[in-house]
Amino acid sequence: MEVVARALFPTVIWSTRFDDYQDLNHRLLESVQRLREHDADGVHNTNVNGWQSRNTLQTHNEFAEINGRIVNVCREIGASAGFAREAELRYQAWANVNPPGAFNNPHIHPNCHLSGVYYIAATPDSGSIYFRDPRAMSLMAPPPLAQATEITATESAMKPEPGRLYVFPAWLEHGVQPNRSGQDRVGISFNVQVVALPGSGR
């Protein structure tokens, strides 16, 4: 007898790492530092004891390269996921600086379709991004487990590393663990809204 597993309604996290991230991240770190100097208060959303810029990085020339790379990755994701080919990707981004002890509370990103983070400066213990199972009904009667797997886990964490980009559905609840390292974790977060244009068939 053969037992066949089939995944229905999967929740996908996409990831890539840019090979040439070192020079890119050096320039990005300087740009983030300048932003922070000009707006020391920043924005307070889900970040606790950290600094967050306004969501206007898409308007700054010094972030044009990383913004373009992120949008290109999101276009590839959209193509593989069957998004309308003529759809417009409306993109906005912001910088995050989480010093030792800082973290981000669990949250979602409403009114958009894709969200993600690109890491500029990070170490394995500077705080992983974690995701929670969106299927609330699966928690009704959890089975006893010898160990959690991708099928049974209710939460999953992914470590940060410089040059790494994660993209995920904007509705997926996520947060960031406390920074246990002795240095700042620095990254760029973003939202993408996919908007159908006339003639796109949607």
Protein backbone atom coordinates (compact mmCIF):
# COMPACT_ATOMS: atom_id res chain seq x y z
CA MET A 1 0.00 0.00 0.00
CA GLU A 2 1.32 3.44 -0.93
CA VAL A 3 0.43 6.49 1.13
CA VAL A 4 0.78 9.68 -0.88
CA ALA A 5 1.06 13.15 0.68
CA ARG A 6 -0.26 16.18 -1.16
CA ALA A 7 0.19 19.72 0.12
CA LEU A 8 -2.95 21.83 -0.11
CA PHE A 9 -3.03 25.60 0.38
CA PRO A 10 0.69 25.88 1.19
CA THR A 11 2.16 28.96 2.81
CA VAL A 12 5.38 29.79 0.99
CA ILE A 13 8.40 31.78 2.18
CA TRP A 14 10.70 32.76 -0.68
CA SER A 15 14.38 33.44 -0.08
CA THR A 16 17.52 34.39 -1.97
CA ARG A 17 20.97 35.72 -1.14
CA PHE A 18 22.80 38.19 -3.36
CA ASP A 19 26.35 37.09 -4.15
CA ASP A 20 27.72 40.65 -4.21
CA TYR A 21 26.08 41.77 -0.97
CA GLN A 22 29.23 42.98 0.82
CA ASP A 23 29.86 46.16 -1.18
CA LEU A 24 26.12 46.76 -1.52
CA ASN A 25 25.54 46.43 2.21
CA HIS A 26 28.46 48.72 3.05
CA ARG A 27 26.83 51.49 1.03
CA LEU A 28 23.37 50.73 2.40
CA LEU A 29 24.58 50.83 5.99
CA GLU A 30 26.00 54.33 5.45
CA SER A 31 22.70 55.43 3.89
CA VAL A 32 20.67 54.05 6.81
CA GLN A 33 22.95 55.79 9.29
CA ARG A 34 22.39 59.12 7.49
CA LEU A 35 18.64 58.60 7.60
CA ARG A 36 18.77 57.93 11.31
CA GLU A 37 20.86 61.04 11.96
CA HIS A 38 18.27 63.20 10.16
CA ASP A 39 15.26 61.58 11.87
CA ALA A 40 16.38 60.24 15.23
CA ASP A 41 12.82 59.63 16.48
CA GLY A 42 11.78 57.58 13.47
CA VAL A 43 8.49 55.68 13.49
CA HIS A 44 7.06 53.51 16.25
CA ASN A 45 4.98 50.57 15.03
CA THR A 46 5.81 46.99 16.04
CA ASN A 47 9.43 47.78 16.91
CA VAL A 48 10.35 47.69 20.60
CA ASN A 49 13.55 49.54 21.62
CA GLY A 50 14.54 49.80 17.96
CA TRP A 51 14.55 52.50 15.29
CA GLN A 52 12.42 52.46 12.16
CA SER A 53 12.50 54.97 9.32
CA ARG A 54 9.48 56.31 7.49
CA ASN A 55 8.26 54.09 4.66
CA THR A 56 9.75 56.28 1.95
CA LEU A 57 12.94 54.47 0.95
CA GLN A 58 11.48 54.05 -2.53
CA THR A 59 11.90 57.81 -3.01
CA HIS A 60 15.60 57.93 -2.05
CA ASN A 61 18.18 57.56 -4.83
CA GLU A 62 20.74 55.86 -2.57
CA PHE A 63 18.34 52.94 -2.10
CA ALA A 64 17.43 52.62 -5.80
CA GLU A 65 19.66 49.57 -6.39
CA ILE A 66 18.33 47.44 -3.55
CA ASN A 67 14.77 48.56 -4.26
CA GLY A 68 15.16 47.47 -7.87
CA ARG A 69 16.57 44.10 -6.87
CA ILE A 70 13.73 43.46 -4.43
CA VAL A 71 11.09 44.39 -6.99
CA ASN A 72 12.70 42.09 -9.57
CA VAL A 73 12.60 39.18 -7.11
CA CYS A 74 8.94 39.94 -6.40
CA ARG A 75 8.23 39.92 -10.15
CA GLU A 76 9.76 36.46 -10.38
CA ILE A 77 7.64 35.33 -7.46
CA GLY A 78 4.54 36.79 -9.08
CA ALA A 79 5.28 34.95 -12.33
CA SER A 80 5.70 31.63 -10.52
CA ALA A 81 2.54 32.23 -8.47
CA GLY A 82 0.42 33.13 -11.50
CA PHE A 83 -0.08 36.84 -10.86
CA ALA A 84 -1.47 38.80 -13.81
CA ARG A 85 1.44 39.49 -16.15
CA GLU A 86 0.47 43.12 -16.72
CA ALA A 87 0.00 43.87 -13.02
CA GLU A 88 1.75 46.84 -11.46
CA LEU A 89 3.87 46.26 -8.36
CA ARG A 90 3.43 49.19 -5.99
CA TYR A 91 6.38 49.13 -3.62
CA GLN A 92 7.30 50.92 -0.42
CA ALA A 93 10.17 50.27 1.97
CA TRP A 94 11.64 51.37 5.28
CA ALA A 95 14.81 50.76 7.31
CA ASN A 96 15.00 49.00 10.67
CA VAL A 97 17.78 49.20 13.23
CA ASN A 98 17.41 46.84 16.19
CA PRO A 99 20.16 47.28 18.80
CA PRO A 100 20.88 44.59 21.42
CA GLY A 101 17.67 43.67 23.22
CA ALA A 102 15.33 45.13 20.59
CA PHE A 103 12.62 43.07 18.90
CA ASN A 104 9.42 43.33 16.85
CA ASN A 105 6.02 42.22 18.11
CA PRO A 106 3.95 39.81 15.98
CA HIS A 107 1.98 41.55 13.23
CA ILE A 108 0.72 41.42 9.67
CA HIS A 109 0.92 43.95 6.83
CA PRO A 110 -2.61 44.85 5.67
CA ASN A 111 -3.60 46.26 2.27
CA CYS A 112 -0.73 44.63 0.35
CA HIS A 113 0.12 41.23 -1.04
CA LEU A 114 3.83 40.57 -0.45
CA SER A 115 6.10 41.69 2.36
CA GLY A 116 9.67 40.92 3.26
CA VAL A 117 13.01 41.89 4.71
CA TYR A 118 16.53 42.30 3.38
CA TYR A 119 19.40 42.06 5.88
CA ILE A 120 22.22 44.60 5.79
CA ALA A 121 23.91 43.76 9.10
CA ALA A 122 23.10 40.68 11.18
CA THR A 123 24.55 37.73 13.05
CA PRO A 124 22.87 34.36 13.79
CA ASP A 125 21.99 35.49 17.33
CA SER A 126 20.79 39.00 16.46
CA GLY A 127 17.17 37.86 16.29
CA SER A 128 15.42 35.52 13.87
CA ILE A 129 12.28 36.41 11.99
CA TYR A 130 9.51 33.98 12.95
CA PHE A 131 6.19 33.06 11.39
CA ARG A 132 3.02 31.71 12.97
CA ASP A 133 0.66 29.13 11.51
CA PRO A 134 -2.23 31.12 9.98
CA ARG A 135 -4.65 28.18 10.23
CA ALA A 136 -6.35 28.96 13.53
CA MET A 137 -8.54 25.84 13.28
CA SER A 138 -5.44 23.62 13.28
CA LEU A 139 -4.94 24.53 16.95
CA MET A 140 -8.35 23.11 17.93
CA ALA A 141 -6.94 19.70 18.93
CA PRO A 142 -3.17 19.47 18.42
CA PRO A 143 -1.81 15.90 18.50
CA PRO A 144 0.92 14.81 20.90
CA LEU A 145 4.24 15.21 19.10
CA ALA A 146 7.59 13.49 19.37
CA GLN A 147 8.94 16.51 17.51
CA ALA A 148 7.50 19.31 15.42
CA THR A 149 7.86 19.09 11.64
CA GLU A 150 6.95 21.37 8.75
CA ILE A 151 3.53 19.71 8.81
CA THR A 152 2.84 20.07 12.56
CA ALA A 153 4.80 23.14 13.69
CA THR A 154 2.75 26.15 14.79
CA GLU A 155 5.71 28.54 14.56
CA SER A 156 8.87 28.59 12.47
CA ALA A 157 11.93 30.86 12.66
CA MET A 158 14.47 31.81 10.02
CA LYS A 159 17.84 33.27 10.89
CA PRO A 160 19.07 36.58 9.50
CA GLU A 161 22.30 36.84 7.53
CA PRO A 162 23.77 39.73 5.53
CA GLY A 163 22.65 39.70 1.92
CA ARG A 164 19.66 37.45 2.61
CA LEU A 165 16.20 38.41 1.32
CA TYR A 166 12.98 36.84 2.61
CA VAL A 167 9.63 37.44 0.91
CA PHE A 168 6.33 36.17 2.30
CA PRO A 169 2.57 36.73 2.03
CA ALA A 170 1.70 40.01 3.71
CA TRP A 171 -1.15 38.36 5.63
CA LEU A 172 1.21 35.91 7.37
CA GLU A 173 1.71 36.83 11.02
CA HIS A 174 5.37 37.35 11.85
CA GLY A 175 7.66 38.98 14.40
CA VAL A 176 11.35 39.29 15.23
CA GLN A 177 13.02 37.67 18.22
CA PRO A 178 15.10 39.82 20.62
CA ASN A 179 18.58 40.73 19.46
CA ARG A 180 20.92 38.64 21.67
CA SER A 181 24.10 39.82 19.98
CA GLY A 182 26.32 42.76 20.85
CA GLN A 183 25.71 44.68 17.65
CA ASP A 184 22.84 46.27 15.72
CA ARG A 185 20.71 44.22 13.36
CA VAL A 186 20.02 46.41 10.33
CA GLY A 187 17.60 45.62 7.54
CA ILE A 188 15.17 46.95 4.99
CA SER A 189 11.53 45.88 5.17
CA PHE A 190 9.02 46.39 2.40
CA ASN A 191 5.48 45.92 1.12
CA VAL A 192 4.31 45.17 -2.40
CA GLN A 193 0.76 45.72 -3.57
CA VAL A 194 -0.11 43.93 -6.82
CA VAL A 195 -2.54 46.03 -8.85
CA ALA A 196 -4.17 44.77 -12.04
CA LEU A 197 -3.94 47.13 -15.00
CA PRO A 198 -6.41 47.45 -17.90
CA GLY A 199 -5.94 44.55 -20.27
CA SER A 200 -4.37 42.29 -17.68
CA GLY A 201 -7.38 40.00 -17.57
CA ARG A 202 -8.03 40.73 -13.89
